[in-house]
Amino acid sequence: MEYLDYNATTPVDPAVFEAMLPYLSGGIAGAYGNPSSSYELGHRTHDAVAIAREQVARLLGCPPETIVFTGGGSEANNLALKGVAERGTRRHLIISAVEHPAVLEVCRYLERHGFRVTVVPVDSTGLVDPGDVAKAIGRHTLLVSVMHANNEVGTIQPIREIAEAAHSQGALVHTDAAQSVGKISTRVGDLGVDLLTVAGHKLYAPKGVGCLYVRPGLELEPLVHGASQESGRRAGTENVAYVVGLGAAAEIAARQLAVEEPRLCGIRDRLHARLAESAGPLKLNGHPEHRLPNTLNVSFLGVDGRGLLAAVPEIAASLGSACHSDRVEPSPVLRAMGVSDAAALGAVRLSLGRYSTDEGVELAAAALIRGARSLRGQAAEVGG
């Protein structure tokens, strides 16, 4: 099977797994101590968490103490939005029309608790206009949350410009960077954000670990109350092995980013060219340039995307967000971009990654072309 669903999740890198192993094993050689304990076993795991914090901080270009480890990207998004909302006095939030449910549903929760939420539109490529954000900001705006890169179409948002507009009126800025960390530069100083979300399993670390960057001096109300772990921002004994895995994944990503970004962009574009040449009518969804290097979302016009993927079981891909895998209606992201329902129902997201190769992509293209032609032929027979 050719795996083309790296935006849904990534396999754990063998080097990440190797780094985690000492913290998963028990016995006399195991590093199983509680990081808050004062003896040697505790010091060993405490130091491992500290090293992981430094590794993540280097990737994001921030001080280690600004990193809060969480149980994943969704928890980090919840901590960012709820944590700010419960400490702030303003009661207005702004998000984009293409946010992940881990942001959208938090905003719906906050609406039920007296907050007002404004949803700014995107254009036909999935881009937010910073001018629209600026117009939506008022004196009661607490936070603007716009994802760095879209999980379905890969469009990269102008976060720096959005942050400048928000900060000029005293609002905070959060970006969900789950899809962009490790694929493109996500240094917080360049983006100008106050809060940034990382999801480990999008970064070749395990599922169930993530982190939130919190700008120095910004106070958040914890989601999990208890003892003083994570500088009092997230109680509970640290998941040392998974935190170590996230740190190792961040270090690998930082080392490989300059090479991996153009490599992925090249094979993505070759895949697109092969499909456009031979798969019949095709429509690119997302920005043609400001897009993640690994992401290709295309509509096979006149073909049902679900039926196409069923016809090519040798390919692991998705219709869009893995969080909507049971959806039979058009993607809300594509609808927000103004894509017609007919074209949206033919959309397939093909996302590449560290283990994608030219040969594998060529085989995947051939299978998709074969499947699309077969389905169109069957439709013609029925229509005839």
Protein backbone atom coordinates (compact mmCIF):
# COMPACT_ATOMS: atom_id res chain seq x y z
CA MET A 1 0.00 0.00 0.00
CA GLU A 2 1.26 3.49 -0.88
CA TYR A 3 0.63 5.81 2.06
CA LEU A 4 -0.58 9.24 0.93
CA ASP A 5 -2.25 10.45 4.11
CA TYR A 6 0.55 12.07 6.09
CA ASN A 7 -1.74 15.00 6.98
CA ALA A 8 -3.96 12.55 8.87
CA THR A 9 -1.05 11.11 10.82
CA THR A 10 2.60 10.22 10.38
CA PRO A 11 4.35 6.98 11.27
CA VAL A 12 6.63 7.21 14.28
CA ASP A 13 10.18 7.75 13.02
CA PRO A 14 12.45 4.82 14.06
CA ALA A 15 14.89 7.28 15.67
CA VAL A 16 12.00 8.74 17.70
CA PHE A 17 10.97 5.28 18.84
CA GLU A 18 14.55 4.51 19.81
CA ALA A 19 14.75 7.67 21.90
CA MET A 20 11.54 6.75 23.72
CA LEU A 21 12.45 3.16 24.60
CA PRO A 22 14.42 3.78 27.84
CA TYR A 23 11.42 5.67 29.26
CA LEU A 24 8.98 2.87 28.42
CA SER A 25 10.94 0.05 30.03
CA GLY A 26 10.88 -0.93 33.68
CA GLY A 27 13.34 -2.95 35.69
CA ILE A 28 16.64 -1.83 37.01
CA ALA A 29 17.76 -0.31 33.69
CA GLY A 30 14.52 1.57 33.07
CA ALA A 31 14.24 5.35 33.28
CA TYR A 32 10.84 5.17 34.95
CA GLY A 33 11.15 7.70 37.77
CA ASN A 34 8.68 10.50 38.42
CA PRO A 35 10.19 13.75 37.07
CA SER A 36 9.12 15.53 40.25
CA SER A 37 11.02 13.12 42.53
CA SER A 38 14.24 14.30 44.16
CA TYR A 39 16.35 11.13 43.75
CA GLU A 40 18.42 9.94 40.77
CA LEU A 41 15.62 8.15 38.91
CA GLY A 42 13.54 11.31 39.11
CA HIS A 43 16.44 13.50 38.02
CA ARG A 44 16.94 11.31 34.96
CA THR A 45 13.38 11.73 33.72
CA HIS A 46 13.26 15.39 34.75
CA ASP A 47 16.36 16.03 32.62
CA ALA A 48 14.85 14.10 29.70
CA VAL A 49 11.77 16.34 29.74
CA ALA A 50 13.99 19.42 29.94
CA ILE A 51 16.02 18.28 26.92
CA ALA A 52 12.83 17.64 24.94
CA ARG A 53 11.59 21.13 25.82
CA GLU A 54 14.83 22.58 24.47
CA GLN A 55 14.55 20.53 21.27
CA VAL A 56 11.02 21.77 20.56
CA ALA A 57 12.00 25.32 21.47
CA ARG A 58 14.87 25.27 18.97
CA LEU A 59 12.51 24.22 16.18
CA LEU A 60 10.09 27.05 17.04
CA GLY A 61 12.78 29.63 17.84
CA CYS A 62 11.60 30.37 21.38
CA PRO A 63 12.80 30.05 24.99
CA PRO A 64 12.30 26.53 26.42
CA GLU A 65 10.18 27.84 29.30
CA THR A 66 7.52 28.98 26.83
CA ILE A 67 6.72 25.37 25.82
CA VAL A 68 3.83 23.63 27.61
CA PHE A 69 3.56 19.90 26.90
CA THR A 70 0.02 18.62 26.38
CA GLY A 71 -1.80 15.43 25.43
CA GLY A 72 -2.00 16.51 21.78
CA GLY A 73 -2.94 19.30 19.41
CA SER A 74 -6.60 19.42 20.39
CA GLU A 75 -5.71 19.91 24.05
CA ALA A 76 -3.22 22.61 23.11
CA ASN A 77 -5.90 24.46 21.12
CA ASN A 78 -8.32 24.17 24.04
CA LEU A 79 -5.70 25.45 26.46
CA ALA A 80 -4.92 28.40 24.20
CA LEU A 81 -8.50 29.55 23.66
CA LYS A 82 -10.07 28.68 27.01
CA GLY A 83 -6.95 29.61 28.93
CA VAL A 84 -6.96 33.12 27.47
CA ALA A 85 -10.75 33.50 27.68
CA GLU A 86 -10.88 32.73 31.38
CA ARG A 87 -8.13 35.22 32.24
CA GLY A 88 -9.15 38.04 29.88
CA THR A 89 -11.77 40.77 30.21
CA ARG A 90 -12.64 41.08 26.53
CA ARG A 91 -15.39 38.82 25.16
CA HIS A 92 -14.90 38.71 21.39
CA LEU A 93 -13.03 36.08 19.36
CA ILE A 94 -12.20 35.92 15.65
CA ILE A 95 -11.51 32.74 13.68
CA SER A 96 -11.38 31.82 9.99
CA ALA A 97 -14.01 29.85 8.09
CA VAL A 98 -11.65 26.89 7.59
CA GLU A 99 -10.51 26.16 11.15
CA HIS A 100 -10.10 22.63 12.47
CA PRO A 101 -12.87 21.36 14.78
CA ALA A 102 -10.39 21.58 17.67
CA VAL A 103 -10.68 25.37 17.33
CA LEU A 104 -14.21 25.67 15.94
CA GLU A 105 -15.82 23.57 18.67
CA VAL A 106 -13.96 25.44 21.42
CA CYS A 107 -15.40 28.66 20.04
CA ARG A 108 -18.89 27.18 20.03
CA TYR A 109 -18.36 26.22 23.66
CA LEU A 110 -17.25 29.77 24.50
CA GLU A 111 -20.26 31.19 22.66
CA ARG A 112 -22.47 29.21 25.04
CA HIS A 113 -20.64 30.96 27.88
CA GLY A 114 -21.22 34.51 26.70
CA PHE A 115 -18.48 35.11 24.15
CA ARG A 116 -19.10 36.50 20.68
CA VAL A 117 -17.34 34.81 17.77
CA THR A 118 -16.76 36.32 14.32
CA VAL A 119 -15.89 34.01 11.43
CA VAL A 120 -13.93 35.71 8.64
CA PRO A 121 -14.22 34.25 5.13
CA VAL A 122 -11.56 32.81 2.84
CA ASP A 123 -11.15 33.30 -0.89
CA SER A 124 -11.37 30.60 -3.56
CA THR A 125 -7.84 29.41 -2.73
CA GLY A 126 -8.52 29.18 1.00
CA LEU A 127 -6.66 32.37 1.94
CA VAL A 128 -7.77 34.73 4.70
CA ASP A 129 -7.48 38.43 3.83
CA PRO A 130 -5.69 40.22 6.72
CA GLY A 131 -7.82 43.25 5.85
CA ASP A 132 -10.95 41.29 6.70
CA VAL A 133 -9.44 40.39 10.06
CA ALA A 134 -8.53 44.04 10.71
CA LYS A 135 -12.10 45.13 9.93
CA ALA A 136 -13.52 42.53 12.31
CA ILE A 137 -11.36 43.55 15.27
CA GLY A 138 -12.90 45.90 17.81
CA ARG A 139 -12.13 47.14 21.29
CA HIS A 140 -13.69 44.01 22.79
CA THR A 141 -11.65 41.56 20.69
CA LEU A 142 -9.63 39.25 22.91
CA LEU A 143 -8.11 36.77 20.49
CA VAL A 144 -7.69 36.03 16.80
CA SER A 145 -7.13 32.33 15.99
CA VAL A 146 -6.22 31.44 12.39
CA MET A 147 -4.52 28.16 11.47
CA HIS A 148 -1.08 28.42 9.92
CA ALA A 149 -1.76 25.90 7.14
CA ASN A 150 -4.98 24.13 6.27
CA ASN A 151 -5.11 20.40 6.88
CA GLU A 152 -7.26 19.67 3.80
CA VAL A 153 -5.91 21.89 1.01
CA GLY A 154 -2.58 23.01 2.49
CA THR A 155 -3.09 26.75 1.99
CA ILE A 156 -0.65 28.75 4.14
CA GLN A 157 -2.15 31.80 5.83
CA PRO A 158 -0.49 35.24 6.12
CA ILE A 159 -0.13 34.89 9.89
CA ARG A 160 2.45 37.66 10.27
CA GLU A 161 0.13 40.23 8.67
CA ILE A 162 -2.85 38.97 10.67
CA ALA A 163 -0.82 39.23 13.89
CA GLU A 164 0.21 42.79 13.11
CA ALA A 165 -3.42 43.78 12.54
CA ALA A 166 -4.51 42.13 15.78
CA HIS A 167 -1.71 43.49 17.94
CA SER A 168 -2.30 47.01 16.68
CA GLN A 169 -5.66 46.86 18.46
CA GLY A 170 -4.54 45.00 21.56
CA ALA A 171 -5.80 41.54 20.59
CA LEU A 172 -3.84 38.32 21.08
CA VAL A 173 -3.06 35.87 18.26
CA HIS A 174 -3.11 32.07 18.27
CA THR A 175 -2.26 29.83 15.35
CA ASP A 176 -2.89 26.11 15.06
CA ALA A 177 0.36 25.00 13.41
CA ALA A 178 -0.30 21.27 13.67
CA GLN A 179 0.03 20.83 9.91
CA SER A 180 2.93 23.20 9.31
CA VAL A 181 5.44 22.37 12.05
CA GLY A 182 8.23 20.31 10.50
CA LYS A 183 7.09 21.00 6.93
CA ILE A 184 7.83 24.72 6.66
CA SER A 185 9.43 27.30 8.94
CA THR A 186 7.32 27.95 12.04
CA ARG A 187 9.54 30.22 14.11
CA VAL A 188 7.27 32.16 16.42
CA GLY A 189 9.24 35.40 16.09
CA ASP A 190 8.75 35.38 12.33
CA LEU A 191 5.02 34.65 12.69
CA GLY A 192 4.53 37.21 15.46
CA VAL A 193 2.07 35.02 17.40
CA ASP A 194 1.34 34.84 21.12
CA LEU A 195 0.28 31.18 21.10
CA LEU A 196 1.11 28.30 18.74
CA THR A 197 -0.12 24.70 18.71
CA VAL A 198 1.98 21.62 17.86
CA ALA A 199 0.59 18.08 17.41
CA GLY A 200 3.15 15.30 17.80
CA HIS A 201 1.56 12.75 15.50
CA LYS A 202 1.78 15.13 12.53
CA LEU A 203 5.54 15.32 13.16
CA TYR A 204 6.62 11.62 13.29
CA ALA A 205 6.12 11.48 17.07
CA PRO A 206 3.43 9.32 18.72
CA LYS A 207 -0.24 10.15 18.94
CA GLY A 208 -1.22 11.58 22.31
CA VAL A 209 1.43 14.24 22.77
CA GLY A 210 1.68 17.86 21.68
CA CYS A 211 2.57 21.26 23.05
CA LEU A 212 1.56 24.88 23.17
CA TYR A 213 3.94 27.80 22.79
CA VAL A 214 2.92 30.59 25.18
CA ARG A 215 4.52 34.00 24.77
CA PRO A 216 6.59 35.08 27.79
CA GLY A 217 4.47 37.01 30.28
CA LEU A 218 1.12 35.71 28.95
CA GLU A 219 -0.94 34.12 31.72
CA LEU A 220 -3.34 31.25 30.96
CA GLU A 221 -5.94 29.57 33.12
CA PRO A 222 -5.03 25.84 33.16
CA LEU A 223 -7.45 23.28 31.75
CA VAL A 224 -6.12 20.66 34.15
CA HIS A 225 -5.81 21.83 37.73
CA GLY A 226 -3.64 20.10 40.27
CA ALA A 227 0.06 20.18 41.08
CA SER A 228 2.64 22.53 39.58
CA GLN A 229 3.89 20.58 36.55
CA GLU A 230 4.57 22.60 33.38
CA SER A 231 5.13 25.71 35.50
CA GLY A 232 1.59 25.41 36.84
CA ARG A 233 0.04 25.53 33.38
CA ARG A 234 -0.83 21.83 32.97
CA ALA A 235 -1.08 19.61 36.05
CA GLY A 236 -0.34 15.89 36.01
CA THR A 237 2.78 13.74 35.93
CA GLU A 238 4.46 14.19 32.56
CA ASN A 239 4.19 11.48 29.91
CA VAL A 240 7.96 11.27 29.77
CA ALA A 241 8.39 8.76 26.95
CA TYR A 242 6.02 10.62 24.63
CA VAL A 243 7.49 14.01 25.51
CA VAL A 244 10.95 12.61 24.72
CA GLY A 245 9.54 11.36 21.43
CA LEU A 246 8.20 14.80 20.55
CA GLY A 247 11.56 16.35 21.37
CA ALA A 248 13.41 13.85 19.18
CA ALA A 249 10.93 14.43 16.34
CA ALA A 250 11.43 18.19 16.61
CA GLU A 251 15.21 17.81 16.46
CA ILE A 252 14.98 15.61 13.35
CA ALA A 253 12.57 18.05 11.69
CA ALA A 254 14.86 21.00 12.36
CA ARG A 255 17.80 19.13 10.86
CA GLN A 256 15.97 17.95 7.73
CA LEU A 257 13.68 20.90 6.96
CA ALA A 258 15.91 22.62 4.39
CA VAL A 259 16.21 19.42 2.33
CA GLU A 260 12.81 17.85 2.89
CA GLU A 261 10.70 20.88 1.94
CA PRO A 262 11.94 21.13 -1.68
CA ARG A 263 12.00 17.33 -2.05
CA LEU A 264 8.35 17.02 -1.10
CA CYS A 265 7.39 19.96 -3.25
CA GLY A 266 9.04 18.28 -6.25
CA ILE A 267 7.31 14.93 -5.93
CA ARG A 268 3.98 16.59 -5.11
CA ASP A 269 4.17 18.60 -8.32
CA ARG A 270 5.13 15.52 -10.34
CA LEU A 271 2.11 13.69 -8.93
CA HIS A 272 -0.13 16.61 -9.85
CA ALA A 273 1.30 16.77 -13.39
CA ARG A 274 0.73 13.03 -13.95
CA LEU A 275 -2.88 13.26 -12.78
CA ALA A 276 -3.60 16.40 -14.77
CA GLU A 277 -2.14 14.77 -17.87
CA SER A 278 -3.99 11.46 -17.76
CA ALA A 279 -6.75 11.28 -15.12
CA GLY A 280 -9.33 13.32 -17.00
CA PRO A 281 -10.79 16.67 -15.87
CA LEU A 282 -9.06 17.75 -12.66
CA LYS A 283 -9.37 20.79 -10.39
CA LEU A 284 -6.73 21.91 -7.88
CA ASN A 285 -8.18 22.90 -4.50
CA GLY A 286 -6.04 25.31 -2.49
CA HIS A 287 -3.53 27.99 -3.31
CA PRO A 288 -1.26 27.11 -6.26
CA GLU A 289 1.81 28.65 -4.57
CA HIS A 290 1.18 29.42 -0.87
CA ARG A 291 0.62 25.80 0.01
CA LEU A 292 2.28 23.11 2.11
CA PRO A 293 5.00 21.34 0.10
CA ASN A 294 3.47 17.92 0.75
CA THR A 295 -0.24 18.58 0.12
CA LEU A 296 -2.22 18.04 -3.06
CA ASN A 297 -6.02 18.31 -2.91
CA VAL A 298 -7.67 17.74 -6.29
CA SER A 299 -11.20 17.17 -7.49
CA PHE A 300 -11.62 14.43 -10.07
CA LEU A 301 -14.49 16.11 -11.88
CA GLY A 302 -17.38 13.82 -12.63
CA VAL A 303 -16.06 11.17 -10.24
CA ASP A 304 -17.10 10.50 -6.64
CA GLY A 305 -14.04 10.78 -4.42
CA ARG A 306 -15.24 8.11 -2.02
CA GLY A 307 -15.85 5.71 -4.90
CA LEU A 308 -12.42 6.47 -6.36
CA LEU A 309 -10.60 5.63 -3.14
CA ALA A 310 -12.64 2.45 -2.80
CA ALA A 311 -11.58 1.50 -6.34
CA VAL A 312 -7.86 1.84 -5.53
CA PRO A 313 -7.36 0.00 -2.20
CA GLU A 314 -3.61 -0.05 -2.81
CA ILE A 315 -3.57 3.66 -1.92
CA ALA A 316 -4.11 5.06 1.58
CA ALA A 317 -5.54 8.57 1.15
CA SER A 318 -8.55 10.52 2.36
CA LEU A 319 -11.33 12.79 1.18
CA GLY A 320 -10.18 15.56 3.51
CA SER A 321 -9.83 15.85 7.27
CA ALA A 322 -9.46 12.50 9.03
CA CYS A 323 -11.72 14.00 11.69
CA HIS A 324 -14.57 13.86 9.14
CA SER A 325 -13.81 10.45 7.64
CA ASP A 326 -17.44 9.32 7.90
CA ARG A 327 -18.73 12.42 6.13
CA VAL A 328 -20.81 11.88 2.98
CA GLU A 329 -21.47 15.55 2.30
CA PRO A 330 -19.04 18.09 0.82
CA SER A 331 -16.15 19.27 2.95
CA PRO A 332 -16.94 22.44 4.95
CA VAL A 333 -13.48 23.73 4.00
CA LEU A 334 -14.17 23.37 0.28
CA ARG A 335 -17.63 24.89 0.70
CA ALA A 336 -16.08 27.87 2.49
CA MET A 337 -13.78 28.28 -0.54
CA GLY A 338 -16.79 28.38 -2.86
CA VAL A 339 -16.11 24.99 -4.48
CA SER A 340 -19.30 23.56 -5.97
CA ASP A 341 -20.81 20.55 -4.22
CA ALA A 342 -20.26 18.42 -7.33
CA ALA A 343 -16.55 19.27 -7.45
CA ALA A 344 -16.19 18.97 -3.67
CA LEU A 345 -17.62 15.45 -3.70
CA GLY A 346 -14.91 14.48 -6.18
CA ALA A 347 -12.10 15.83 -4.00
CA VAL A 348 -9.27 13.65 -2.71
CA ARG A 349 -6.47 14.79 -0.43
CA LEU A 350 -3.08 13.30 -1.26
CA SER A 351 -0.46 14.19 1.35
CA LEU A 352 3.15 13.06 1.15
CA GLY A 353 5.83 12.64 3.75
CA ARG A 354 9.26 11.46 4.84
CA TYR A 355 8.93 8.00 3.35
CA SER A 356 7.30 9.01 0.07
CA THR A 357 9.40 8.27 -3.02
CA ASP A 358 9.32 9.06 -6.72
CA GLU A 359 8.61 5.40 -7.46
CA GLY A 360 5.79 5.19 -4.94
CA VAL A 361 4.16 8.36 -6.20
CA GLU A 362 4.35 7.08 -9.79
CA LEU A 363 2.58 3.87 -8.78
CA ALA A 364 -0.06 5.89 -6.90
CA ALA A 365 -0.62 8.15 -9.91
CA ALA A 366 -1.06 5.15 -12.19
CA ALA A 367 -3.60 3.60 -9.82
CA LEU A 368 -5.61 6.82 -9.47
CA ILE A 369 -5.62 7.35 -13.24
CA ARG A 370 -6.79 3.79 -13.77
CA GLY A 371 -9.49 4.16 -11.12
CA ALA A 372 -10.77 7.51 -12.42
CA ARG A 373 -10.93 6.22 -16.00
CA SER A 374 -12.78 3.09 -14.90
CA LEU A 375 -15.38 5.04 -12.92
CA ARG A 376 -15.94 7.47 -15.77
CA GLY A 377 -16.34 4.56 -18.15
CA GLN A 378 -18.93 2.95 -15.90
CA ALA A 379 -20.79 6.25 -15.62
CA ALA A 380 -20.81 6.60 -19.41
CA GLU A 381 -22.22 3.11 -19.83
CA VAL A 382 -25.00 3.82 -17.34
CA GLY A 383 -25.71 7.18 -18.98
CA GLY A 384 -25.68 5.66 -22.43
